[in-house]
Amino acid sequence: VYYCGADPRAFERIDYDDPNAYFYWGPGTQ
């Protein structure tokens, strides 16, 4: 299942490969 995560913080300021960095998530697509 592929999920889209989004966060308002800048790319350079987050651990972008860590799912815990993202506040908003979609329901996923198989």
PDB file of all heavy atoms in Angstrom:
ATOM      1  N   VAL A   1       0.873  -1.174   0.000  1.00  0.00           N
ATOM      2  CA  VAL A   1       0.000   0.000   0.000  1.00  0.00           C
ATOM      3  C   VAL A   1       0.908   1.221   0.000  1.00  0.00           C
ATOM      4  O   VAL A   1       1.814   1.322   0.824  1.00  0.00           O
ATOM      5  CB  VAL A   1      -0.934   0.016   1.216  1.00  0.00           C
ATOM      6  CG1 VAL A   1      -1.785   1.286   1.208  1.00  0.00           C
ATOM      7  CG2 VAL A   1      -1.822  -1.218   1.232  1.00  0.00           C
ATOM      8  N   TYR A   2       0.658   2.125  -0.932  1.00  0.00           N
ATOM      9  CA  TYR A   2       1.466   3.327  -1.068  1.00  0.00           C
ATOM     10  C   TYR A   2       0.721   4.508  -0.453  1.00  0.00           C
ATOM     11  O   TYR A   2      -0.445   4.754  -0.778  1.00  0.00           O
ATOM     12  CB  TYR A   2       1.784   3.594  -2.534  1.00  0.00           C
ATOM     13  CG  TYR A   2       2.870   2.685  -3.058  1.00  0.00           C
ATOM     14  CD1 TYR A   2       2.635   1.314  -3.226  1.00  0.00           C
ATOM     15  CD2 TYR A   2       4.140   3.175  -3.362  1.00  0.00           C
ATOM     16  CE1 TYR A   2       3.645   0.475  -3.676  1.00  0.00           C
ATOM     17  CE2 TYR A   2       5.154   2.349  -3.813  1.00  0.00           C
ATOM     18  CZ  TYR A   2       4.899   0.993  -3.969  1.00  0.00           C
ATOM     19  OH  TYR A   2       5.898   0.156  -4.417  1.00  0.00           O
ATOM     20  N   TYR A   3       1.433   5.231   0.431  1.00  0.00           N
ATOM     21  CA  TYR A   3       0.849   6.352   1.155  1.00  0.00           C
ATOM     22  C   TYR A   3       1.575   7.653   0.804  1.00  0.00           C
ATOM     23  O   TYR A   3       2.797   7.658   0.600  1.00  0.00           O
ATOM     24  CB  TYR A   3       0.967   6.142   2.660  1.00  0.00           C
ATOM     25  CG  TYR A   3       0.207   4.956   3.192  1.00  0.00           C
ATOM     26  CD1 TYR A   3       0.831   3.724   3.349  1.00  0.00           C
ATOM     27  CD2 TYR A   3      -1.127   5.082   3.566  1.00  0.00           C
ATOM     28  CE1 TYR A   3       0.142   2.628   3.845  1.00  0.00           C
ATOM     29  CE2 TYR A   3      -1.829   3.993   4.071  1.00  0.00           C
ATOM     30  CZ  TYR A   3      -1.187   2.771   4.212  1.00  0.00           C
ATOM     31  OH  TYR A   3      -1.872   1.697   4.701  1.00  0.00           O
ATOM     32  N   CYS A   4       0.820   8.725   0.808  1.00  0.00           N
ATOM     33  CA  CYS A   4       1.351  10.060   0.606  1.00  0.00           C
ATOM     34  C   CYS A   4       1.334  10.798   1.945  1.00  0.00           C
ATOM     35  O   CYS A   4       0.283  10.877   2.591  1.00  0.00           O
ATOM     36  CB  CYS A   4       0.469  10.772  -0.424  1.00  0.00           C
ATOM     37  SG  CYS A   4       0.774  12.512  -0.633  1.00  0.00           S
ATOM     38  N   GLY A   5       2.494  11.305   2.349  1.00  0.00           N
ATOM     39  CA  GLY A   5       2.593  12.097   3.564  1.00  0.00           C
ATOM     40  C   GLY A   5       2.953  13.537   3.219  1.00  0.00           C
ATOM     41  O   GLY A   5       3.706  13.774   2.273  1.00  0.00           O
ATOM     42  N   ALA A   6       2.433  14.483   3.985  1.00  0.00           N
ATOM     43  CA  ALA A   6       2.707  15.897   3.725  1.00  0.00           C
ATOM     44  C   ALA A   6       2.986  16.633   5.027  1.00  0.00           C
ATOM     45  O   ALA A   6       2.384  16.329   6.070  1.00  0.00           O
ATOM     46  CB  ALA A   6       1.525  16.544   3.000  1.00  0.00           C
ATOM     47  N   ASP A   7       3.888  17.607   4.950  1.00  0.00           N
ATOM     48  CA  ASP A   7       4.233  18.390   6.129  1.00  0.00           C
ATOM     49  C   ASP A   7       4.560  19.819   5.706  1.00  0.00           C
ATOM     50  O   ASP A   7       5.204  20.024   4.678  1.00  0.00           O
ATOM     51  CB  ASP A   7       5.422  17.773   6.863  1.00  0.00           C
ATOM     52  CG  ASP A   7       5.578  18.316   8.263  1.00  0.00           C
ATOM     53  OD1 ASP A   7       4.967  17.761   9.200  1.00  0.00           O
ATOM     54  OD2 ASP A   7       6.294  19.324   8.402  1.00  0.00           O
ATOM     55  N   PRO A   8       4.148  20.818   6.510  1.00  0.00           N
ATOM     56  CA  PRO A   8       4.406  22.209   6.110  1.00  0.00           C
ATOM     57  C   PRO A   8       5.852  22.655   6.256  1.00  0.00           C
ATOM     58  O   PRO A   8       6.232  23.704   5.695  1.00  0.00           O
ATOM     59  CB  PRO A   8       3.489  23.007   7.051  1.00  0.00           C
ATOM     60  CG  PRO A   8       3.308  22.124   8.241  1.00  0.00           C
ATOM     61  CD  PRO A   8       3.308  20.729   7.700  1.00  0.00           C
ATOM     62  N   ARG A   9       6.670  21.904   6.969  1.00  0.00           N
ATOM     63  CA  ARG A   9       8.057  22.308   7.148  1.00  0.00           C
ATOM     64  C   ARG A   9       8.889  22.061   5.894  1.00  0.00           C
ATOM     65  O   ARG A   9       8.583  21.203   5.078  1.00  0.00           O
ATOM     66  CB  ARG A   9       8.651  21.561   8.343  1.00  0.00           C
ATOM     67  CG  ARG A   9       8.026  21.969   9.677  1.00  0.00           C
ATOM     68  CD  ARG A   9       8.487  21.041  10.785  1.00  0.00           C
ATOM     69  NE  ARG A   9       8.003  19.675  10.574  1.00  0.00           N
ATOM     70  CZ  ARG A   9       8.402  18.642  11.303  1.00  0.00           C
ATOM     71  NH1 ARG A   9       9.301  18.823  12.269  1.00  0.00           N
ATOM     72  NH2 ARG A   9       7.918  17.436  11.057  1.00  0.00           N
ATOM     73  N   ALA A  10       9.966  22.805   5.776  1.00  0.00           N
ATOM     74  CA  ALA A  10      10.817  22.728   4.589  1.00  0.00           C
ATOM     75  C   ALA A  10      11.520  21.378   4.493  1.00  0.00           C
ATOM     76  O   ALA A  10      11.885  20.767   5.495  1.00  0.00           O
ATOM     77  CB  ALA A  10      11.849  23.845   4.619  1.00  0.00           C
ATOM     78  N   PHE A  11      11.721  20.953   3.265  1.00  0.00           N
ATOM     79  CA  PHE A  11      12.391  19.683   2.949  1.00  0.00           C
ATOM     80  C   PHE A  11      13.722  19.570   3.675  1.00  0.00           C
ATOM     81  O   PHE A  11      14.068  18.511   4.218  1.00  0.00           O
ATOM     82  CB  PHE A  11      12.578  19.645   1.431  1.00  0.00           C
ATOM     83  CG  PHE A  11      13.284  18.437   0.890  1.00  0.00           C
ATOM     84  CD1 PHE A  11      12.576  17.273   0.606  1.00  0.00           C
ATOM     85  CD2 PHE A  11      14.644  18.469   0.629  1.00  0.00           C
ATOM     86  CE1 PHE A  11      13.212  16.164   0.073  1.00  0.00           C
ATOM     87  CE2 PHE A  11      15.289  17.362   0.094  1.00  0.00           C
ATOM     88  CZ  PHE A  11      14.579  16.212  -0.178  1.00  0.00           C
ATOM     89  N   GLU A  12      14.469  20.657   3.709  1.00  0.00           N
ATOM     90  CA  GLU A  12      15.811  20.618   4.286  1.00  0.00           C
ATOM     91  C   GLU A  12      15.793  20.595   5.821  1.00  0.00           C
ATOM     92  O   GLU A  12      16.835  20.381   6.441  1.00  0.00           O
ATOM     93  CB  GLU A  12      16.605  21.852   3.839  1.00  0.00           C
ATOM     94  CG  GLU A  12      16.834  21.949   2.342  1.00  0.00           C
ATOM     95  CD  GLU A  12      15.630  22.481   1.592  1.00  0.00           C
ATOM     96  OE1 GLU A  12      14.647  22.932   2.221  1.00  0.00           O
ATOM     97  OE2 GLU A  12      15.655  22.424   0.343  1.00  0.00           O
ATOM     98  N   ARG A  13      14.632  20.803   6.409  1.00  0.00           N
ATOM     99  CA  ARG A  13      14.572  20.920   7.863  1.00  0.00           C
ATOM    100  C   ARG A  13      13.945  19.725   8.547  1.00  0.00           C
ATOM    101  O   ARG A  13      13.774  19.733   9.770  1.00  0.00           O
ATOM    102  CB  ARG A  13      13.804  22.188   8.230  1.00  0.00           C
ATOM    103  CG  ARG A  13      14.459  23.452   7.686  1.00  0.00           C
ATOM    104  CD  ARG A  13      13.851  24.699   8.262  1.00  0.00           C
ATOM    105  NE  ARG A  13      14.123  24.822   9.691  1.00  0.00           N
ATOM    106  CZ  ARG A  13      13.731  25.852  10.436  1.00  0.00           C
ATOM    107  NH1 ARG A  13      13.058  26.828   9.892  1.00  0.00           N
ATOM    108  NH2 ARG A  13      13.996  25.886  11.716  1.00  0.00           N
ATOM    109  N   ILE A  14      13.581  18.712   7.781  1.00  0.00           N
ATOM    110  CA  ILE A  14      12.995  17.522   8.400  1.00  0.00           C
ATOM    111  C   ILE A  14      13.764  16.280   7.965  1.00  0.00           C
ATOM    112  O   ILE A  14      14.516  16.308   6.988  1.00  0.00           O
ATOM    113  CB  ILE A  14      11.509  17.366   8.027  1.00  0.00           C
ATOM    114  CG1 ILE A  14      11.328  17.131   6.520  1.00  0.00           C
ATOM    115  CG2 ILE A  14      10.714  18.586   8.474  1.00  0.00           C
ATOM    116  CD1 ILE A  14       9.900  16.794   6.130  1.00  0.00           C
ATOM    117  N   ASP A  15      13.593  15.216   8.710  1.00  0.00           N
ATOM    118  CA  ASP A  15      14.098  13.904   8.303  1.00  0.00           C
ATOM    119  C   ASP A  15      13.074  13.322   7.331  1.00  0.00           C
ATOM    120  O   ASP A  15      12.178  12.564   7.720  1.00  0.00           O
ATOM    121  CB  ASP A  15      14.282  12.995   9.508  1.00  0.00           C
ATOM    122  CG  ASP A  15      15.379  13.468  10.430  1.00  0.00           C
ATOM    123  OD1 ASP A  15      16.332  14.091   9.939  1.00  0.00           O
ATOM    124  OD2 ASP A  15      15.287  13.219  11.657  1.00  0.00           O
ATOM    125  N   TYR A  16      13.217  13.674   6.070  1.00  0.00           N
ATOM    126  CA  TYR A  16      12.172  13.397   5.086  1.00  0.00           C
ATOM    127  C   TYR A  16      11.976  11.904   4.827  1.00  0.00           C
ATOM    128  O   TYR A  16      10.984  11.503   4.238  1.00  0.00           O
ATOM    129  CB  TYR A  16      12.428  14.140   3.775  1.00  0.00           C
ATOM    130  CG  TYR A  16      13.765  13.857   3.142  1.00  0.00           C
ATOM    131  CD1 TYR A  16      14.001  12.672   2.462  1.00  0.00           C
ATOM    132  CD2 TYR A  16      14.790  14.778   3.215  1.00  0.00           C
ATOM    133  CE1 TYR A  16      15.226  12.410   1.882  1.00  0.00           C
ATOM    134  CE2 TYR A  16      16.026  14.528   2.640  1.00  0.00           C
ATOM    135  CZ  TYR A  16      16.234  13.339   1.981  1.00  0.00           C
ATOM    136  OH  TYR A  16      17.446  13.091   1.406  1.00  0.00           O
ATOM    137  N   ASP A  17      12.911  11.062   5.237  1.00  0.00           N
ATOM    138  CA  ASP A  17      12.748   9.625   5.035  1.00  0.00           C
ATOM    139  C   ASP A  17      12.165   8.928   6.270  1.00  0.00           C
ATOM    140  O   ASP A  17      12.110   7.697   6.315  1.00  0.00           O
ATOM    141  CB  ASP A  17      14.070   8.976   4.638  1.00  0.00           C
ATOM    142  CG  ASP A  17      15.158   9.179   5.676  1.00  0.00           C
ATOM    143  OD1 ASP A  17      14.964   9.964   6.622  1.00  0.00           O
ATOM    144  OD2 ASP A  17      16.230   8.549   5.523  1.00  0.00           O
ATOM    145  N   ASP A  18      11.736   9.703   7.254  1.00  0.00           N
ATOM    146  CA  ASP A  18      11.149   9.177   8.478  1.00  0.00           C
ATOM    147  C   ASP A  18       9.645   9.452   8.448  1.00  0.00           C
ATOM    148  O   ASP A  18       9.230  10.611   8.392  1.00  0.00           O
ATOM    149  CB  ASP A  18      11.788   9.871   9.683  1.00  0.00           C
ATOM    150  CG  ASP A  18      11.273   9.352  11.014  1.00  0.00           C
ATOM    151  OD1 ASP A  18      10.269   8.601  11.026  1.00  0.00           O
ATOM    152  OD2 ASP A  18      11.871   9.676  12.043  1.00  0.00           O
ATOM    153  N   PRO A  19       8.808   8.426   8.493  1.00  0.00           N
ATOM    154  CA  PRO A  19       7.357   8.659   8.438  1.00  0.00           C
ATOM    155  C   PRO A  19       6.851   9.527   9.587  1.00  0.00           C
ATOM    156  O   PRO A  19       5.827  10.211   9.449  1.00  0.00           O
ATOM    157  CB  PRO A  19       6.756   7.259   8.469  1.00  0.00           C
ATOM    158  CG  PRO A  19       7.823   6.381   9.018  1.00  0.00           C
ATOM    159  CD  PRO A  19       9.119   6.994   8.592  1.00  0.00           C
ATOM    160  N   ASN A  20       7.571   9.540  10.713  1.00  0.00           N
ATOM    161  CA  ASN A  20       7.145  10.361  11.855  1.00  0.00           C
ATOM    162  C   ASN A  20       7.283  11.857  11.576  1.00  0.00           C
ATOM    163  O   ASN A  20       6.769  12.672  12.350  1.00  0.00           O
ATOM    164  CB  ASN A  20       7.945   9.996  13.097  1.00  0.00           C
ATOM    165  CG  ASN A  20       7.670   8.579  13.560  1.00  0.00           C
ATOM    166  OD1 ASN A  20       6.520   8.165  13.669  1.00  0.00           O
ATOM    167  ND2 ASN A  20       8.725   7.821  13.805  1.00  0.00           N
ATOM    168  N   ALA A  21       7.972  12.231  10.497  1.00  0.00           N
ATOM    169  CA  ALA A  21       8.148  13.642  10.167  1.00  0.00           C
ATOM    170  C   ALA A  21       6.914  14.254   9.520  1.00  0.00           C
ATOM    171  O   ALA A  21       6.826  15.472   9.385  1.00  0.00           O
ATOM    172  CB  ALA A  21       9.344  13.821   9.237  1.00  0.00           C
ATOM    173  N   TYR A  22       5.956  13.442   9.117  1.00  0.00           N
ATOM    174  CA  TYR A  22       4.818  13.930   8.337  1.00  0.00           C
ATOM    175  C   TYR A  22       3.556  13.971   9.176  1.00  0.00           C
ATOM    176  O   TYR A  22       3.200  12.987   9.841  1.00  0.00           O
ATOM    177  CB  TYR A  22       4.623  13.063   7.091  1.00  0.00           C
ATOM    178  CG  TYR A  22       5.823  13.182   6.188  1.00  0.00           C
ATOM    179  CD1 TYR A  22       6.922  12.338   6.340  1.00  0.00           C
ATOM    180  CD2 TYR A  22       5.892  14.182   5.225  1.00  0.00           C
ATOM    181  CE1 TYR A  22       8.047  12.487   5.546  1.00  0.00           C
ATOM    182  CE2 TYR A  22       7.011  14.331   4.432  1.00  0.00           C
ATOM    183  CZ  TYR A  22       8.086  13.480   4.593  1.00  0.00           C
ATOM    184  OH  TYR A  22       9.202  13.627   3.814  1.00  0.00           O
ATOM    185  N   PHE A  23       2.860  15.103   9.117  1.00  0.00           N
ATOM    186  CA  PHE A  23       1.677  15.298   9.937  1.00  0.00           C
ATOM    187  C   PHE A  23       0.405  14.834   9.244  1.00  0.00           C
ATOM    188  O   PHE A  23      -0.525  14.350   9.876  1.00  0.00           O
ATOM    189  CB  PHE A  23       1.537  16.786  10.297  1.00  0.00           C
ATOM    190  CG  PHE A  23       0.529  17.049  11.375  1.00  0.00           C
ATOM    191  CD1 PHE A  23       0.848  16.847  12.703  1.00  0.00           C
ATOM    192  CD2 PHE A  23      -0.742  17.493  11.054  1.00  0.00           C
ATOM    193  CE1 PHE A  23      -0.084  17.076  13.698  1.00  0.00           C
ATOM    194  CE2 PHE A  23      -1.683  17.732  12.030  1.00  0.00           C
ATOM    195  CZ  PHE A  23      -1.348  17.516  13.357  1.00  0.00           C
ATOM    196  N   TYR A  24       0.363  14.993   7.914  1.00  0.00           N
ATOM    197  CA  TYR A  24      -0.855  14.662   7.158  1.00  0.00           C
ATOM    198  C   TYR A  24      -0.609  13.446   6.288  1.00  0.00           C
ATOM    199  O   TYR A  24       0.442  13.329   5.645  1.00  0.00           O
ATOM    200  CB  TYR A  24      -1.272  15.843   6.277  1.00  0.00           C
ATOM    201  CG  TYR A  24      -1.541  17.108   7.049  1.00  0.00           C
ATOM    202  CD1 TYR A  24      -0.626  18.152   7.044  1.00  0.00           C
ATOM    203  CD2 TYR A  24      -2.712  17.252   7.785  1.00  0.00           C
ATOM    204  CE1 TYR A  24      -0.867  19.320   7.758  1.00  0.00           C
ATOM    205  CE2 TYR A  24      -2.958  18.419   8.504  1.00  0.00           C
ATOM    206  CZ  TYR A  24      -2.030  19.435   8.486  1.00  0.00           C
ATOM    207  OH  TYR A  24      -2.274  20.578   9.192  1.00  0.00           O
ATOM    208  N   TRP A  25      -1.597  12.541   6.247  1.00  0.00           N
ATOM    209  CA  TRP A  25      -1.476  11.311   5.470  1.00  0.00           C
ATOM    210  C   TRP A  25      -2.756  11.051   4.680  1.00  0.00           C
ATOM    211  O   TRP A  25      -3.858  11.361   5.132  1.00  0.00           O
ATOM    212  CB  TRP A  25      -1.240  10.117   6.399  1.00  0.00           C
ATOM    213  CG  TRP A  25       0.119  10.110   7.004  1.00  0.00           C
ATOM    214  CD1 TRP A  25       0.496  10.608   8.217  1.00  0.00           C
ATOM    215  CD2 TRP A  25       1.312   9.579   6.412  1.00  0.00           C
ATOM    216  NE1 TRP A  25       1.830  10.435   8.415  1.00  0.00           N
ATOM    217  CE2 TRP A  25       2.366   9.794   7.334  1.00  0.00           C
ATOM    218  CE3 TRP A  25       1.600   8.945   5.206  1.00  0.00           C
ATOM    219  CZ2 TRP A  25       3.679   9.403   7.081  1.00  0.00           C
ATOM    220  CZ3 TRP A  25       2.905   8.555   4.950  1.00  0.00           C
ATOM    221  CH2 TRP A  25       3.927   8.783   5.881  1.00  0.00           C
ATOM    222  N   GLY A  26      -2.585  10.453   3.511  1.00  0.00           N
ATOM    223  CA  GLY A  26      -3.726   9.977   2.753  1.00  0.00           C
ATOM    224  C   GLY A  26      -4.091   8.562   3.181  1.00  0.00           C
ATOM    225  O   GLY A  26      -3.356   7.936   3.947  1.00  0.00           O
ATOM    226  N   PRO A  27      -5.202   8.028   2.671  1.00  0.00           N
ATOM    227  CA  PRO A  27      -5.668   6.692   3.050  1.00  0.00           C
ATOM    228  C   PRO A  27      -4.892   5.563   2.379  1.00  0.00           C
ATOM    229  O   PRO A  27      -5.008   4.404   2.796  1.00  0.00           O
ATOM    230  CB  PRO A  27      -7.126   6.680   2.589  1.00  0.00           C
ATOM    231  CG  PRO A  27      -7.145   7.648   1.458  1.00  0.00           C
ATOM    232  CD  PRO A  27      -6.159   8.716   1.795  1.00  0.00           C
ATOM    233  N   GLY A  28      -4.101   5.877   1.328  1.00  0.00           N
ATOM    234  CA  GLY A  28      -3.301   4.857   0.664  1.00  0.00           C
ATOM    235  C   GLY A  28      -3.951   4.300  -0.587  1.00  0.00           C
ATOM    236  O   GLY A  28      -5.171   4.386  -0.776  1.00  0.00           O
ATOM    237  N   THR A  29      -3.111   3.735  -1.460  1.00  0.00           N
ATOM    238  CA  THR A  29      -3.576   3.072  -2.673  1.00  0.00           C
ATOM    239  C   THR A  29      -2.758   1.793  -2.860  1.00  0.00           C
ATOM    240  O   THR A  29      -1.546   1.796  -2.698  1.00  0.00           O
ATOM    241  CB  THR A  29      -3.461   4.003  -3.898  1.00  0.00           C
ATOM    242  OG1 THR A  29      -4.036   3.373  -5.046  1.00  0.00           O
ATOM    243  CG2 THR A  29      -2.022   4.390  -4.214  1.00  0.00           C
ATOM    244  N   GLN A  30      -3.445   0.700  -3.181  1.00  0.00           N
ATOM    245  CA  GLN A  30      -2.793  -0.604  -3.275  1.00  0.00           C
ATOM    246  C   GLN A  30      -2.106  -0.763  -4.633  1.00  0.00           C
ATOM    247  O   GLN A  30      -2.720  -0.530  -5.684  1.00  0.00           O
ATOM    248  CB  GLN A  30      -3.821  -1.712  -3.091  1.00  0.00           C
ATOM    249  CG  GLN A  30      -3.280  -3.117  -3.268  1.00  0.00           C
ATOM    250  CD  GLN A  30      -2.354  -3.541  -2.147  1.00  0.00           C
ATOM    251  OE1 GLN A  30      -2.667  -3.365  -0.966  1.00  0.00           O
ATOM    252  NE2 GLN A  30      -1.206  -4.125  -2.498  1.00  0.00           N
TER     253      GLN A  30
END
